[in-house]
Protein backbone atom coordinates (compact mmCIF):
# COMPACT_ATOMS: atom_id res chain seq x y z
CA MET A 1 0.00 0.00 0.00
CA ASN A 2 2.97 2.31 0.60
CA LEU A 3 3.66 2.20 -3.15
CA LEU A 4 0.41 4.06 -3.72
CA ARG A 5 1.27 7.04 -1.54
CA HIS A 6 2.59 10.35 -2.76
CA LYS A 7 4.35 12.90 -0.55
CA GLY A 8 2.90 11.24 2.52
CA GLU A 9 -0.70 11.59 1.36
CA GLY A 10 -2.69 8.35 1.73
CA MET A 11 -5.70 7.24 -0.27
CA ASN A 12 -9.07 6.63 1.23
CA ARG A 13 -10.52 3.11 1.16
CA ARG A 14 -12.40 3.54 -2.12
CA GLU A 15 -9.42 5.08 -3.92
CA PHE A 16 -7.22 2.20 -2.81
CA ILE A 17 -9.79 -0.34 -4.02
CA MET A 18 -10.17 1.57 -7.30
CA SER A 19 -6.40 1.48 -7.82
CA SER A 20 -6.38 -2.24 -7.14
CA PHE A 21 -9.12 -2.79 -9.71
CA LEU A 22 -7.28 -0.70 -12.29
CA MET A 23 -4.27 -2.98 -11.88
CA GLY A 24 -6.52 -6.03 -11.99
CA ALA A 25 -8.01 -4.72 -15.22
CA GLY A 26 -4.57 -4.73 -16.86
CA PHE A 27 -3.05 -1.40 -15.86
CA SER A 28 0.51 -1.82 -14.58
CA ALA A 29 1.47 -0.52 -11.14
CA PRO A 30 3.64 2.23 -12.70
CA ALA A 31 0.71 3.29 -14.87
CA VAL A 32 -1.56 3.50 -11.84
CA LEU A 33 1.09 5.45 -9.94
CA SER A 34 1.39 7.81 -12.90
CA LEU A 35 -2.36 8.20 -12.99
CA MET A 36 -2.46 8.99 -9.27
CA GLN A 37 0.33 11.54 -9.63
CA HIS A 38 -1.38 13.13 -12.63
CA ARG A 39 -4.62 13.30 -10.70
CA ARG A 40 -3.00 15.14 -7.81
CA ALA A 41 -0.99 17.48 -10.08
CA SER A 42 -4.10 18.25 -12.10
CA ALA A 43 -6.14 18.96 -9.01
CA GLN A 44 -3.54 21.52 -7.94
CA ASP A 45 -2.32 23.01 -11.20
CA MET A 46 -4.77 22.20 -14.02
CA PRO A 47 -8.18 21.44 -12.56
CA MET A 48 -10.77 20.31 -15.07
CA ARG A 49 -14.42 21.32 -14.96
CA ALA A 50 -17.17 18.96 -16.03
CA ALA A 51 -20.95 19.26 -16.01
CA MET A 52 -23.08 16.22 -15.28
CA SER A 53 -26.77 15.48 -14.84
CA ASN A 54 -29.01 12.48 -14.50
CA ALA A 55 -32.75 11.95 -14.25
CA GLY A 56 -33.18 12.83 -10.58
CA LEU A 57 -31.29 12.40 -7.34
CA ALA A 58 -34.45 11.26 -5.56
CA VAL A 59 -33.76 7.92 -7.30
CA THR A 60 -31.11 5.96 -5.42
CA TRP A 61 -29.52 4.74 -8.67
CA CYS A 62 -29.00 8.34 -9.76
CA ALA A 63 -27.65 9.32 -6.33
CA GLN A 64 -25.14 6.46 -6.50
CA GLY A 65 -24.14 7.63 -9.96
CA LYS A 66 -23.41 11.11 -8.61
CA ASP A 67 -21.35 9.67 -5.74
CA THR A 68 -19.34 7.60 -8.23
CA ALA A 69 -18.78 10.50 -10.62
CA GLU A 70 -17.56 12.69 -7.79
CA MET A 71 -15.24 9.94 -6.54
CA TRP A 72 -13.70 9.54 -10.00
CA GLY A 73 -13.55 13.32 -10.26
CA ARG A 74 -11.46 13.49 -7.08
CA PHE A 75 -9.29 10.67 -8.39
CA LEU A 76 -8.63 12.36 -11.74
CA GLY A 77 -8.58 16.00 -10.68
CA VAL A 78 -11.96 16.94 -12.20
CA GLU A 79 -14.38 19.34 -10.55
CA ILE A 80 -17.82 17.80 -11.12
CA ASN A 81 -20.63 20.35 -11.31
CA TRP A 82 -23.94 18.52 -10.79
CA PHE A 83 -27.32 19.55 -12.21
CA ASP A 84 -30.22 17.57 -10.75
CA GLY A 85 -32.85 16.64 -13.34
CA GLN A 86 -35.46 16.33 -10.56
CA LEU A 87 -37.42 13.73 -12.60
CA ASP A 88 -38.79 16.56 -14.73
CA ASN A 89 -38.08 17.10 -18.43
CA ALA A 90 -38.56 20.88 -18.22
CA ILE A 91 -36.27 21.27 -15.21
CA GLN A 92 -33.52 19.17 -16.75
CA ARG A 93 -33.85 20.97 -20.09
CA GLY A 94 -33.48 24.32 -18.33
CA ALA A 95 -30.36 23.08 -16.56
CA VAL A 96 -28.82 21.71 -19.76
CA ASP A 97 -29.61 24.93 -21.62
CA GLN A 98 -27.58 26.68 -18.92
CA ILE A 99 -24.76 24.13 -19.25
CA ALA A 100 -24.64 24.80 -23.00
CA THR A 101 -23.85 28.49 -22.41
CA GLU A 102 -20.64 27.72 -20.49
CA GLN A 103 -17.25 26.21 -21.28
CA TRP A 104 -16.51 22.73 -19.92
CA ASP A 105 -13.74 20.19 -20.34
CA PHE A 106 -16.48 17.58 -20.87
CA VAL A 107 -20.17 17.00 -20.23
CA ALA A 108 -21.95 13.73 -19.38
CA ILE A 109 -25.72 13.47 -19.06
CA GLN A 110 -28.43 10.87 -18.57
CA PRO A 111 -31.45 12.44 -20.29
CA PHE A 112 -34.78 12.01 -18.55
CA SER A 113 -36.40 11.37 -21.93
CA ILE A 114 -35.24 10.67 -25.47
CA GLY A 115 -35.15 13.72 -27.72
CA SER A 116 -35.53 16.23 -24.89
CA LEU A 117 -31.97 17.66 -25.03
CA VAL A 118 -30.98 17.57 -28.69
CA GLU A 119 -30.52 21.32 -29.26
CA PRO A 120 -28.28 22.07 -26.26
CA ILE A 121 -26.23 18.93 -26.94
CA GLN A 122 -25.69 20.16 -30.51
CA ALA A 123 -24.55 23.51 -29.14
CA MET A 124 -22.03 21.83 -26.83
CA THR A 125 -20.60 19.39 -29.36
CA GLY A 126 -20.49 22.14 -31.96
CA ALA A 127 -18.27 24.08 -29.57
CA GLY A 128 -15.92 21.09 -29.34
CA ILE A 129 -16.94 19.95 -25.88
CA PRO A 130 -16.73 16.14 -25.44
CA PHE A 131 -20.21 14.82 -24.64
CA ILE A 132 -21.00 11.39 -23.17
CA ASP A 133 -24.55 10.02 -23.20
CA MET A 134 -25.33 7.92 -20.12
CA ASP A 135 -27.95 5.18 -19.75
CA THR A 136 -30.78 6.83 -21.73
CA LEU A 137 -30.55 7.65 -25.42
CA ALA A 138 -30.43 11.38 -26.09
CA ALA A 139 -31.64 10.61 -29.62
CA PRO A 140 -32.09 7.43 -31.69
CA LEU A 141 -28.87 5.41 -31.65
CA ASP A 142 -28.05 5.93 -35.32
CA GLN A 143 -28.35 9.71 -34.86
CA LEU A 144 -25.83 10.00 -32.01
CA PRO A 145 -22.74 10.32 -34.28
CA ASP A 146 -24.32 13.20 -36.19
CA LEU A 147 -25.25 14.77 -32.84
CA GLY A 148 -21.57 14.68 -31.95
CA VAL A 149 -21.92 12.28 -29.02
CA LEU A 150 -18.56 10.73 -28.13
CA THR A 151 -20.03 7.50 -26.75
CA PHE A 152 -23.19 6.03 -25.26
CA ILE A 153 -22.77 3.93 -22.08
CA ALA A 154 -25.81 1.87 -21.12
CA PRO A 155 -27.02 -1.49 -19.81
CA ASP A 156 -28.95 -4.14 -21.73
CA ASN A 157 -32.41 -3.27 -20.42
CA VAL A 158 -34.13 -6.11 -22.27
CA PHE A 159 -31.75 -8.66 -20.75
CA MET A 160 -32.20 -7.27 -17.23
CA SER A 161 -35.98 -7.31 -17.54
CA GLU A 162 -36.14 -10.79 -19.00
CA SER A 163 -33.82 -12.11 -16.29
CA VAL A 164 -36.00 -10.80 -13.47
CA VAL A 165 -39.32 -11.71 -15.09
CA THR A 166 -38.03 -15.23 -15.75
CA GLU A 167 -37.64 -15.72 -12.00
CA LEU A 168 -41.04 -14.18 -11.30
CA VAL A 169 -42.68 -16.50 -13.81
CA ARG A 170 -40.92 -19.49 -12.31
CA GLN A 171 -42.19 -18.69 -8.86
CA MET A 172 -45.69 -18.03 -10.24
CA GLY A 173 -45.73 -21.52 -11.73
CA GLY A 174 -46.32 -20.06 -15.19
CA SER A 175 -49.88 -18.86 -14.51
CA GLY A 176 -51.86 -16.23 -12.62
CA LYS A 177 -52.09 -12.44 -12.50
CA ILE A 178 -49.13 -10.09 -12.80
CA ALA A 179 -48.76 -6.30 -12.75
CA HIS A 180 -46.25 -4.25 -14.71
CA THR A 181 -45.25 -0.81 -13.39
CA TRP A 182 -43.15 1.31 -15.73
CA GLY A 183 -40.65 4.04 -14.96
CA ALA A 184 -41.05 7.02 -17.31
CA GLN A 185 -42.34 6.10 -20.75
CA GLY A 186 -40.02 8.54 -22.55
CA HIS A 187 -36.99 6.89 -20.93
CA THR A 188 -35.41 4.46 -23.39
CA GLY A 189 -34.29 2.22 -20.54
CA ALA A 190 -37.90 1.91 -19.39
CA GLN A 191 -38.94 1.14 -22.95
CA GLY A 192 -36.36 -1.64 -23.10
CA ARG A 193 -37.48 -3.06 -19.74
CA ALA A 194 -41.07 -3.00 -20.91
CA GLN A 195 -40.08 -4.86 -24.08
CA GLY A 196 -38.32 -7.52 -22.02
CA PHE A 197 -41.46 -7.94 -19.93
CA TYR A 198 -43.64 -8.27 -23.03
CA ASN A 199 -41.19 -10.76 -24.55
CA MET A 200 -41.63 -13.00 -21.54
CA MET A 201 -45.41 -12.58 -21.36
CA ALA A 202 -45.71 -13.72 -24.98
CA GLN A 203 -44.35 -17.10 -23.87
CA TYR A 204 -46.88 -17.65 -21.08
CA PRO A 205 -50.51 -17.46 -22.25
CA ASP A 206 -51.75 -18.49 -18.80
CA ILE A 207 -50.37 -15.34 -17.21
CA GLU A 208 -52.76 -12.35 -17.20
CA VAL A 209 -51.34 -8.82 -17.11
CA VAL A 210 -53.92 -6.97 -15.00
CA ASP A 211 -52.16 -3.59 -14.71
CA ASP A 212 -49.67 -1.92 -17.06
CA GLN A 213 -48.94 1.77 -16.42
CA PRO A 214 -46.12 4.23 -15.68
CA ALA A 215 -45.23 5.55 -12.25
CA ASP A 216 -42.45 7.86 -13.53
CA TRP A 217 -39.93 6.50 -10.99
CA ASP A 218 -42.06 8.09 -8.24
CA VAL A 219 -42.45 5.88 -5.15
CA THR A 220 -45.46 7.87 -3.93
CA ARG A 221 -47.18 7.22 -7.24
CA VAL A 222 -46.25 3.52 -6.93
CA ALA A 223 -47.97 3.32 -3.54
CA GLU A 224 -51.14 4.82 -5.01
CA ILE A 225 -51.12 2.47 -8.00
CA TRP A 226 -50.49 -0.62 -5.91
CA GLU A 227 -53.04 0.13 -3.21
CA SER A 228 -55.69 0.43 -5.92
CA LEU A 229 -54.32 -2.61 -7.73
CA LEU A 230 -54.58 -4.91 -4.70
CA ASN A 231 -58.10 -3.73 -4.00
CA ARG A 232 -59.09 -4.70 -7.55
CA HIS A 233 -57.04 -7.89 -7.72
CA PRO A 234 -56.56 -9.44 -4.27
CA ASP A 235 -55.47 -12.65 -6.02
CA LEU A 236 -52.48 -10.95 -7.68
CA LYS A 237 -49.46 -13.26 -7.80
CA ALA A 238 -46.59 -11.05 -8.96
CA GLY A 239 -45.38 -7.62 -9.98
CA PHE A 240 -42.48 -6.38 -12.11
CA LEU A 241 -41.35 -2.80 -11.54
CA HIS A 242 -38.75 -0.92 -13.55
CA ASN A 243 -36.44 -0.05 -10.67
CA ASP A 244 -35.66 -1.17 -7.15
CA ASP A 245 -37.03 1.93 -5.43
CA MET A 246 -40.43 1.27 -6.97
CA ALA A 247 -40.19 -2.47 -6.33
CA LEU A 248 -39.51 -1.90 -2.64
CA ALA A 249 -42.36 0.63 -2.47
CA ALA A 250 -44.72 -1.95 -3.99
CA ARG A 251 -43.41 -4.57 -1.59
CA ALA A 252 -44.30 -2.31 1.35
CA VAL A 253 -47.87 -2.01 0.06
CA VAL A 254 -48.08 -5.78 -0.40
CA GLU A 255 -46.83 -6.40 3.13
CA ASN A 256 -49.25 -3.85 4.59
CA ALA A 257 -52.07 -5.71 2.85
CA GLY A 258 -50.97 -8.98 4.45
CA LEU A 259 -50.08 -10.50 1.07
CA GLY A 260 -46.33 -10.78 1.53
CA ASP A 261 -46.28 -14.53 1.00
CA GLN A 262 -48.61 -14.44 -2.01
CA VAL A 263 -47.32 -11.61 -4.21
CA LYS A 264 -43.82 -11.95 -5.67
CA ILE A 265 -42.01 -8.72 -6.58
CA GLY A 266 -39.01 -8.05 -8.82
CA GLY A 267 -37.16 -4.87 -9.78
CA VAL A 268 -34.11 -3.62 -11.65
CA ASP A 269 -30.83 -1.92 -10.64
CA ALA A 270 -29.56 -4.28 -7.89
CA MET A 271 -28.96 -1.45 -5.47
CA SER A 272 -27.75 -2.59 -2.04
CA PRO A 273 -31.18 -2.39 -0.31
CA ALA A 274 -32.67 -4.51 -3.10
CA ILE A 275 -29.89 -7.10 -2.93
CA GLN A 276 -30.49 -7.32 0.80
CA ALA A 277 -34.23 -7.69 0.15
CA VAL A 278 -33.47 -10.61 -2.18
CA VAL A 279 -31.36 -12.23 0.55
CA GLU A 280 -34.26 -11.76 3.01
CA GLY A 281 -36.85 -13.07 0.54
CA ARG A 282 -38.74 -9.78 0.26
CA LEU A 283 -37.86 -9.42 -3.43
CA VAL A 284 -37.66 -12.36 -5.82
CA ALA A 285 -34.95 -10.86 -8.03
CA THR A 286 -33.25 -7.75 -9.29
CA ALA A 287 -30.66 -7.18 -12.04
CA ARG A 288 -27.64 -4.95 -11.90
CA ASN A 289 -27.81 -1.73 -13.85
CA SER A 290 -24.41 -0.41 -12.89
CA ALA A 291 -24.62 3.26 -12.00
CA VAL A 292 -20.97 2.85 -11.05
CA ARG A 293 -19.78 1.63 -14.43
CA ILE A 294 -21.92 4.12 -16.35
CA HIS A 295 -21.09 7.27 -14.37
CA GLY A 296 -17.52 6.30 -13.54
CA GLY A 297 -16.89 5.33 -17.15
CA ALA A 298 -18.28 8.64 -18.35
CA VAL A 299 -15.89 10.60 -16.13
CA LEU A 300 -12.91 8.47 -17.18
CA ILE A 301 -13.73 8.85 -20.89
CA GLY A 302 -14.42 12.57 -20.53
CA TRP A 303 -11.14 13.05 -18.69
CA ALA A 304 -9.29 11.12 -21.41
CA ALA A 305 -10.89 13.21 -24.14
CA ALA A 306 -9.97 16.44 -22.37
CA THR A 307 -6.42 15.20 -21.70
CA LEU A 308 -5.56 13.54 -25.02
CA GLY A 309 -7.82 15.50 -27.35
CA LEU A 310 -11.31 14.73 -28.64
CA ASP A 311 -10.19 13.49 -32.05
CA ALA A 312 -7.58 11.16 -30.56
CA ILE A 313 -9.94 9.62 -28.04
CA ARG A 314 -12.79 9.35 -30.54
CA ALA A 315 -10.55 7.07 -32.61
CA GLU A 316 -10.06 4.82 -29.57
CA ILE A 317 -13.45 4.78 -27.83
CA PRO A 318 -16.32 2.75 -29.35
CA SER A 319 -19.54 4.63 -29.96
CA PHE A 320 -21.47 2.23 -27.68
CA ILE A 321 -20.26 0.67 -24.44
CA LEU A 322 -22.36 -1.98 -22.71
CA ALA A 323 -22.33 -1.67 -18.93
CA ASP A 324 -23.51 -5.18 -18.25
CA GLY A 325 -24.46 -6.71 -14.91
CA PRO A 326 -25.91 -9.98 -13.65
CA ALA A 327 -29.32 -10.91 -12.34
CA VAL A 328 -29.43 -11.33 -8.56
CA THR A 329 -31.74 -13.99 -7.17
CA SER A 330 -31.85 -16.12 -4.05
CA ALA A 331 -31.58 -19.29 -6.17
CA ILE A 332 -28.47 -21.41 -5.52
CA ASP A 333 -27.33 -24.13 -7.89
CA SER A 334 -27.04 -27.18 -5.65
CA ASN A 335 -26.88 -30.05 -8.13
CA PRO A 336 -25.65 -32.92 -5.91
CA GLU A 337 -23.97 -34.62 -8.87
CA LEU A 338 -21.52 -31.73 -9.04
CA ALA A 339 -21.03 -31.21 -5.31
CA ALA A 340 -17.38 -32.30 -5.53
CA GLU A 341 -16.76 -29.96 -8.49
CA PRO A 342 -18.43 -26.68 -7.48
CA TRP A 343 -16.68 -24.78 -10.27
CA LYS A 344 -19.13 -26.47 -12.63
CA LEU A 345 -22.14 -25.03 -10.76
CA ARG A 346 -23.68 -21.64 -11.47
CA GLY A 347 -22.12 -19.22 -9.03
CA TYR A 348 -19.93 -22.02 -7.66
CA GLY A 349 -22.98 -23.28 -5.82
CA ARG A 350 -22.91 -20.25 -3.54
CA SER A 351 -25.07 -17.20 -3.06
CA THR A 352 -23.62 -14.34 -5.10
CA ALA A 353 -25.68 -11.66 -3.35
CA GLU A 354 -23.35 -10.71 -0.50
CA GLY A 355 -20.28 -10.47 -2.70
CA LEU A 356 -22.09 -8.33 -5.26
CA LYS A 357 -23.44 -6.10 -2.51
CA TRP A 358 -19.94 -5.63 -1.05
CA MET A 359 -18.51 -4.68 -4.44
CA GLN A 360 -21.32 -2.22 -5.05
CA ASP A 361 -20.82 -0.58 -1.66
CA GLN A 362 -17.21 0.11 -2.71
CA LEU A 363 -18.53 1.74 -5.92
CA VAL A 364 -16.74 -0.76 -8.16
CA PHE A 365 -19.69 -2.91 -9.34
């Protein structure tokens, strides 16, 4: 650990873990040392300024993204200026219009809705500012190069949805009533999660979708929807919600109605409270949408573009980067025929939840 100290200044726990992961990812120790030294020199002599925004910090995924971006900013000597979208297209658009009037070393934004920020993004990229699109498409994918977007970092929303709904369907026994609660319908991630849900429903004609509406990532709205839903369908067997905050809000309504054993709930994002809820049996499954990889990757790429030059980094960085993550369920592969060879079992025959939760709490998963 002494090798990763400079002029007597020690790293905090997360910086040390981040450095370890950089070396594990293929960076040599000298390269990491150089990066650390550059970060500290930059912070003192050549501080960078970046503007960032995501859908709304009331959502825990977005709050974790901000924490990660700021951590990477400290690591790389970048001052992160945050603009909260507040789960409102008009508020975020006003903030991004303001961003577009200033000079930045780079900008990274998760739009609240596709197409809502095209004009200010054009203004920024036209001025030569590196722009990274996070999680939600700013415009249709084939239009991003013409918009000047450096790269788009996002999860596979269809995969995440299908993974969670697969487990819900299994625990439903392939029949019964299910509810589907969207995030925001203009959010391309929500559209992908909805498509994954519909893909699964098409395979199970004995499952009836009794409610299918947006809650706009709002947990208060989820409570209203689900209280009404359970009154209309007391025999409901399952619910799929587009993020963990909403899934846990629905779970609270289900428990208050005394239906905790009957109604199975699944969400998306695999935030720490949701992983813990899976361990406790309160959620059936979640899937990791890595706020860490998306926001941290955006800062790293933006820093590289500002350091090496936009044209140079554009030649190196792919236009789309998948921030993939696994499904998290309580299921454990315990095939007795492979007990003596656990490396042939899914997850080595162990629960993966605690390890994934630990890695997320360090902001590296």
